[in-house]
Amino acid sequence: MQTILGANGQIATELAQSLHHHHTHDLRLVSRNPRKVNEDDAVMAADLMDVRQTTEAVKGSDIVYFTAGLPPDSKLWEDRFPVMLKNALQACRTAGASFAYFDNTYMYPQDSQLQTEETRFAPVGRKGRVRAAMASMVLEEMARGDIPVLIARAPEFYGPGKTQSFTNALIINRLKTGKRPLVPVRDDTRRTLIWTPDASRALATLGNTPAAFGQTWHLPCCDNRPTYKTFVAMASRAFGRTPSYSVIGKWPLIIAGIFSKQVREIRELLPRYEQDNLFDSTKFKRHFPEFSVTTYEEGLELIGREQKDR
């Protein structure tokens, strides 16, 4: 039995599809209101804030994936995320299950240095500090050695369906609705974005590779690293639109945060858009050379076709 904790998000949905297609049909999807992804999935409603419910949800599992998400609210992250993770780890120890933790890059320095699995933690802002504390909790569990543990880390998403990310919200979703794309802060810095189906497929690969446990992995990304100027041009072509966009400067976003809680919550991420974002996934590609990484052109063309089919 392989179990996904936090089973309704884009990554979890694509993970369930990948696991079912490539690895196992014995899947359990767990969230407050779980929905089947594959016809033969088992679903279980559970609140990960409750250790008893979490333990029951994990019971009988061989591998557990933690893909739980929360809205971008700093207080909510501080109050809930560490408890959810602590309960999940405790449940896995009780069940003797392997634990695969899906992580992001909020704990890394927001500068232009190449990010590898050895990059030091230097979080900026409250949400960054929460993710650093969570990653440290998982690393402590890994060092303890009671259960097999791995960390699978991804940079910012872009992807099909209801993918939630800055890039999807400001560029892809606006193109879908015929609006002018918006670029945060600068259009000339290079970005590393991960295609969500690649992230989920790679997470499934790691979870089903015993030798991958006991390590941190950067999930595979295309190394082309376009600027937002280039990304908007590629996305516009995929949607049959003439490339056109507006850059939202840092200070207008900071000022907008005075009046909007939603904007205020993303201000701590703005420094990463002022310089190149260079996320390195060489380690994964070296260990899994057969894994095919989706190029930005391919991903955007798939989204464009998805939109036309609708």
Protein backbone atom coordinates (compact mmCIF):
# COMPACT_ATOMS: atom_id res chain seq x y z
CA MET A 1 0.00 0.00 0.00
CA GLN A 2 1.25 3.46 -0.95
CA THR A 3 -0.45 6.42 0.69
CA ILE A 4 -0.62 10.09 -0.30
CA LEU A 5 -1.21 12.55 2.54
CA GLY A 6 -2.74 15.76 1.22
CA ALA A 7 -4.32 14.17 -1.79
CA ASN A 8 -6.34 16.83 -3.61
CA GLY A 9 -3.66 19.18 -4.97
CA GLN A 10 -2.15 19.18 -8.45
CA ILE A 11 1.04 17.38 -7.41
CA ALA A 12 -0.85 14.73 -5.44
CA THR A 13 -3.31 14.14 -8.28
CA GLU A 14 -0.53 13.69 -10.83
CA LEU A 15 1.41 11.57 -8.31
CA ALA A 16 -1.57 9.22 -7.97
CA GLN A 17 -1.77 8.93 -11.74
CA SER A 18 1.96 8.21 -12.05
CA LEU A 19 2.01 5.65 -9.24
CA HIS A 20 -1.03 3.88 -10.70
CA HIS A 21 0.42 3.84 -14.20
CA HIS A 22 4.02 2.85 -13.38
CA HIS A 23 4.24 1.30 -9.92
CA THR A 24 1.12 0.07 -8.07
CA HIS A 25 -2.67 0.00 -8.07
CA ASP A 26 -2.75 -0.30 -4.28
CA LEU A 27 -3.17 3.40 -3.45
CA ARG A 28 -4.78 5.26 -0.55
CA LEU A 29 -5.57 8.96 -0.94
CA VAL A 30 -5.92 10.93 2.28
CA SER A 31 -7.21 14.45 2.89
CA ARG A 32 -10.14 16.16 4.58
CA ASN A 33 -12.31 15.52 1.52
CA PRO A 34 -10.47 13.02 -0.67
CA ARG A 35 -11.49 12.19 -4.22
CA LYS A 36 -10.49 9.21 -6.31
CA VAL A 37 -8.02 9.86 -9.10
CA ASN A 38 -7.98 6.29 -10.43
CA GLU A 39 -11.02 4.03 -10.37
CA ASP A 40 -9.55 1.56 -7.89
CA ASP A 41 -8.07 4.10 -5.44
CA ALA A 42 -8.96 3.77 -1.77
CA VAL A 43 -9.87 7.10 -0.16
CA MET A 44 -9.84 8.05 3.52
CA ALA A 45 -10.93 11.32 5.12
CA ALA A 46 -8.54 12.49 7.83
CA ASP A 47 -7.37 15.71 9.48
CA LEU A 48 -3.57 15.71 9.55
CA MET A 49 -3.72 18.03 12.58
CA ASP A 50 -5.07 15.02 14.51
CA VAL A 51 -2.35 12.45 15.27
CA ARG A 52 -4.87 9.67 15.83
CA GLN A 53 -6.56 10.23 12.47
CA THR A 54 -3.18 10.51 10.76
CA THR A 55 -1.98 7.26 12.34
CA GLU A 56 -5.13 5.48 11.19
CA ALA A 57 -4.71 6.89 7.67
CA VAL A 58 -1.13 5.61 7.42
CA LYS A 59 -1.78 2.18 8.95
CA GLY A 60 -0.76 -0.66 6.62
CA SER A 61 1.25 1.60 4.30
CA ASP A 62 4.63 0.68 2.85
CA ILE A 63 5.39 4.14 1.45
CA VAL A 64 3.84 7.47 2.48
CA TYR A 65 4.09 10.68 0.43
CA PHE A 66 3.59 14.01 2.20
CA THR A 67 2.21 16.46 -0.37
CA ALA A 68 -0.07 18.49 1.89
CA GLY A 69 -0.50 22.14 1.04
CA LEU A 70 -1.98 25.22 2.68
CA PRO A 71 -3.07 28.63 1.39
CA PRO A 72 -0.29 31.28 1.40
CA ASP A 73 -1.03 32.53 4.90
CA SER A 74 1.97 32.89 7.23
CA LYS A 75 0.08 32.35 10.47
CA LEU A 76 -1.70 29.32 9.05
CA TRP A 77 1.65 27.87 7.98
CA GLU A 78 3.17 28.49 11.41
CA ASP A 79 0.21 27.01 13.26
CA ARG A 80 -0.52 24.00 11.10
CA PHE A 81 2.32 22.83 8.86
CA PRO A 82 4.78 21.71 11.60
CA VAL A 83 2.04 19.85 13.46
CA MET A 84 0.85 18.10 10.31
CA LEU A 85 4.39 17.01 9.47
CA LYS A 86 5.14 15.88 13.02
CA ASN A 87 1.97 13.77 13.05
CA ALA A 88 2.80 12.26 9.66
CA LEU A 89 6.31 11.28 10.76
CA GLN A 90 5.01 9.77 13.99
CA ALA A 91 2.39 7.82 12.06
CA CYS A 92 5.05 6.46 9.70
CA ARG A 93 7.22 5.36 12.61
CA THR A 94 4.23 3.53 14.10
CA ALA A 95 3.45 1.85 10.76
CA GLY A 96 7.09 1.20 9.86
CA ALA A 97 6.45 3.01 6.57
CA SER A 98 8.95 4.79 4.34
CA PHE A 99 8.40 8.57 4.15
CA ALA A 100 8.80 10.72 1.01
CA TYR A 101 8.59 14.45 1.74
CA PHE A 102 7.68 16.79 -1.09
CA ASP A 103 9.42 20.11 -0.43
CA ASN A 104 9.91 23.55 -1.97
CA THR A 105 12.83 26.03 -2.04
CA TYR A 106 11.56 28.70 0.36
CA MET A 107 14.40 27.94 2.79
CA TYR A 108 17.13 28.74 0.28
CA PRO A 109 18.89 32.13 -0.03
CA GLN A 110 17.06 34.41 -2.46
CA ASP A 111 20.11 35.10 -4.59
CA SER A 112 21.60 33.99 -7.90
CA GLN A 113 23.87 31.23 -6.61
CA LEU A 114 23.42 27.74 -8.05
CA GLN A 115 21.05 25.81 -5.79
CA THR A 116 22.07 22.20 -5.13
CA GLU A 117 21.06 19.65 -2.54
CA GLU A 118 23.89 21.01 -0.35
CA THR A 119 22.76 24.65 -0.45
CA ARG A 120 22.56 26.10 3.06
CA PHE A 121 19.25 27.23 4.50
CA ALA A 122 18.89 31.02 4.75
CA PRO A 123 15.12 31.64 4.75
CA VAL A 124 13.60 35.05 4.09
CA GLY A 125 10.26 35.77 5.76
CA ARG A 126 7.87 33.79 7.91
CA LYS A 127 6.88 31.17 5.35
CA GLY A 128 10.52 30.57 4.49
CA ARG A 129 11.31 30.00 8.16
CA VAL A 130 8.45 27.52 8.45
CA ARG A 131 9.68 25.51 5.47
CA ALA A 132 13.25 25.56 6.81
CA ALA A 133 12.05 24.23 10.16
CA MET A 134 10.01 21.51 8.44
CA ALA A 135 12.91 20.42 6.23
CA SER A 136 15.14 20.33 9.32
CA MET A 137 12.57 18.13 11.07
CA VAL A 138 12.66 15.68 8.17
CA LEU A 139 16.47 15.73 8.08
CA GLU A 140 16.53 14.91 11.81
CA GLU A 141 14.20 11.98 11.16
CA MET A 142 16.46 10.86 8.32
CA ALA A 143 19.50 11.01 10.60
CA ARG A 144 17.69 9.08 13.35
CA GLY A 145 17.25 6.19 10.94
CA ASP A 146 14.13 4.62 12.45
CA ILE A 147 12.36 4.66 9.07
CA PRO A 148 13.54 5.28 5.49
CA VAL A 149 13.11 8.99 4.65
CA LEU A 150 13.79 11.11 1.57
CA ILE A 151 13.28 14.74 0.60
CA ALA A 152 12.17 15.61 -2.93
CA ARG A 153 12.54 19.35 -3.52
CA ALA A 154 11.04 21.39 -6.35
CA PRO A 155 11.30 25.04 -7.44
CA GLU A 156 8.30 27.09 -8.57
CA PHE A 157 5.68 25.21 -10.61
CA TYR A 158 4.18 25.74 -14.00
CA GLY A 159 1.76 23.20 -15.37
CA PRO A 160 -1.61 22.11 -16.76
CA GLY A 161 -5.01 21.96 -15.12
CA LYS A 162 -5.39 23.88 -11.88
CA THR A 163 -1.68 24.24 -11.12
CA GLN A 164 -1.24 26.95 -8.50
CA SER A 165 1.85 29.12 -8.86
CA PHE A 166 2.89 32.72 -9.41
CA THR A 167 3.76 31.93 -13.03
CA ASN A 168 0.48 30.16 -13.76
CA ALA A 169 -1.57 32.90 -12.10
CA LEU A 170 0.16 35.86 -13.74
CA ILE A 171 0.99 34.47 -17.17
CA ILE A 172 -0.69 31.21 -18.16
CA ASN A 173 -4.10 31.75 -16.57
CA ARG A 174 -4.28 35.31 -17.90
CA LEU A 175 -3.53 34.06 -21.40
CA LYS A 176 -6.28 31.47 -20.98
CA THR A 177 -8.80 34.24 -20.30
CA GLY A 178 -7.54 36.58 -23.02
CA LYS A 179 -5.81 38.98 -20.65
CA ARG A 180 -2.39 40.55 -20.90
CA PRO A 181 0.26 38.55 -18.95
CA LEU A 182 1.95 40.17 -15.97
CA VAL A 183 5.61 39.64 -15.07
CA PRO A 184 6.73 40.05 -11.45
CA VAL A 185 9.61 42.52 -10.76
CA ARG A 186 11.86 41.88 -13.82
CA ASP A 187 11.61 40.23 -17.22
CA ASP A 188 15.34 39.65 -17.81
CA THR A 189 16.30 37.26 -15.00
CA ARG A 190 16.50 33.55 -15.72
CA ARG A 191 13.90 31.31 -14.05
CA THR A 192 13.98 27.61 -13.18
CA LEU A 193 10.42 26.28 -13.24
CA ILE A 194 9.33 22.67 -12.91
CA TRP A 195 6.61 21.08 -15.04
CA THR A 196 4.22 19.62 -12.44
CA PRO A 197 3.73 16.23 -14.16
CA ASP A 198 7.54 15.83 -14.19
CA ALA A 199 7.69 16.67 -10.47
CA SER A 200 5.04 14.09 -9.62
CA ARG A 201 6.51 11.41 -11.89
CA ALA A 202 9.96 11.97 -10.38
CA LEU A 203 8.55 11.81 -6.84
CA ALA A 204 6.94 8.46 -7.69
CA THR A 205 10.26 7.26 -9.12
CA LEU A 206 12.14 8.19 -5.95
CA GLY A 207 9.53 6.66 -3.66
CA ASN A 208 9.85 3.35 -5.46
CA THR A 209 13.67 3.34 -5.50
CA PRO A 210 14.89 1.98 -2.13
CA ALA A 211 18.39 3.40 -2.65
CA ALA A 212 16.94 6.93 -2.96
CA PHE A 213 16.02 7.05 0.74
CA GLY A 214 18.33 8.72 3.22
CA GLN A 215 18.98 11.57 0.76
CA THR A 216 17.72 14.94 -0.46
CA TRP A 217 16.90 15.17 -4.16
CA HIS A 218 16.26 18.12 -6.45
CA LEU A 219 13.48 17.10 -8.81
CA PRO A 220 14.32 17.32 -12.53
CA CYS A 221 13.86 20.57 -14.47
CA CYS A 222 14.70 21.67 -17.98
CA ASP A 223 18.08 23.43 -17.88
CA ASN A 224 17.12 25.97 -20.54
CA ARG A 225 16.08 28.47 -17.79
CA PRO A 226 14.28 31.15 -19.83
CA THR A 227 13.77 34.75 -18.79
CA TYR A 228 10.16 35.75 -18.29
CA LYS A 229 10.44 37.71 -21.55
CA THR A 230 11.24 34.46 -23.36
CA PHE A 231 8.72 32.45 -21.34
CA VAL A 232 5.88 34.86 -22.20
CA ALA A 233 6.87 34.67 -25.88
CA MET A 234 6.75 30.86 -25.80
CA ALA A 235 3.44 30.85 -23.91
CA SER A 236 1.91 33.40 -26.27
CA ARG A 237 2.84 31.27 -29.29
CA ALA A 238 1.26 28.24 -27.63
CA PHE A 239 -1.98 30.20 -27.24
CA GLY A 240 -1.82 31.77 -30.71
CA ARG A 241 -1.31 35.25 -29.26
CA THR A 242 1.08 38.08 -30.09
CA PRO A 243 3.65 38.34 -27.27
CA SER A 244 2.78 41.25 -25.00
CA TYR A 245 3.06 41.72 -21.25
CA SER A 246 3.45 44.24 -18.44
CA VAL A 247 6.12 44.17 -15.73
CA ILE A 248 4.91 44.83 -12.18
CA GLY A 249 7.76 46.47 -10.32
CA LYS A 250 8.81 45.56 -6.79
CA TRP A 251 7.66 48.80 -5.20
CA PRO A 252 4.13 48.73 -6.66
CA LEU A 253 3.79 45.22 -5.25
CA ILE A 254 5.07 46.33 -1.85
CA ILE A 255 2.63 49.25 -1.81
CA ALA A 256 -0.23 47.01 -2.98
CA GLY A 257 0.49 44.80 0.04
CA ILE A 258 -0.65 47.60 2.32
CA PHE A 259 -4.17 47.16 1.01
CA SER A 260 -4.22 43.45 0.05
CA LYS A 261 -3.45 40.57 2.41
CA GLN A 262 -3.01 38.24 -0.59
CA VAL A 263 -0.31 40.50 -2.06
CA ARG A 264 1.23 41.02 1.38
CA GLU A 265 1.68 37.26 1.76
CA ILE A 266 3.86 36.98 -1.35
CA ARG A 267 6.10 40.00 -0.69
CA GLU A 268 8.74 37.87 1.04
CA LEU A 269 9.25 36.03 -2.26
CA LEU A 270 9.97 39.13 -4.33
CA PRO A 271 13.79 39.12 -3.95
CA ARG A 272 13.98 35.83 -5.87
CA TYR A 273 12.53 37.58 -8.93
CA GLU A 274 15.21 40.30 -8.87
CA GLN A 275 17.96 37.88 -9.92
CA ASP A 276 18.52 34.60 -11.72
CA ASN A 277 16.98 31.52 -10.11
CA LEU A 278 19.34 28.61 -10.81
CA PHE A 279 17.97 25.36 -9.41
CA ASP A 280 20.23 22.41 -10.25
CA SER A 281 18.85 18.88 -10.71
CA THR A 282 22.03 17.19 -11.97
CA LYS A 283 21.99 14.60 -9.20
CA PHE A 284 18.59 13.22 -10.19
CA LYS A 285 19.42 13.21 -13.90
CA ARG A 286 22.70 11.40 -13.24
CA HIS A 287 21.00 8.67 -11.19
CA PHE A 288 17.95 8.35 -13.47
CA PRO A 289 19.30 8.99 -16.99
CA GLU A 290 16.24 7.38 -18.61
CA PHE A 291 13.91 10.03 -17.10
CA SER A 292 12.65 12.34 -19.85
CA VAL A 293 12.38 15.99 -18.76
CA THR A 294 9.72 18.13 -20.42
CA THR A 295 11.08 21.24 -22.14
CA TYR A 296 9.37 24.60 -21.60
CA GLU A 297 8.20 24.62 -25.21
CA GLU A 298 6.67 21.15 -24.85
CA GLY A 299 4.94 21.99 -21.57
CA LEU A 300 3.46 25.25 -22.83
CA GLU A 301 2.30 23.61 -26.07
CA LEU A 302 0.51 20.95 -24.01
CA ILE A 303 -1.25 23.66 -21.97
CA GLY A 304 -2.19 25.47 -25.17
CA ARG A 305 -3.68 22.30 -26.67
CA GLU A 306 -5.50 21.58 -23.39
CA GLN A 307 -7.09 25.04 -23.59
CA LYS A 308 -8.09 24.61 -27.25
CA ASP A 309 -9.68 21.22 -26.51
CA ARG A 310 -11.89 22.91 -23.93
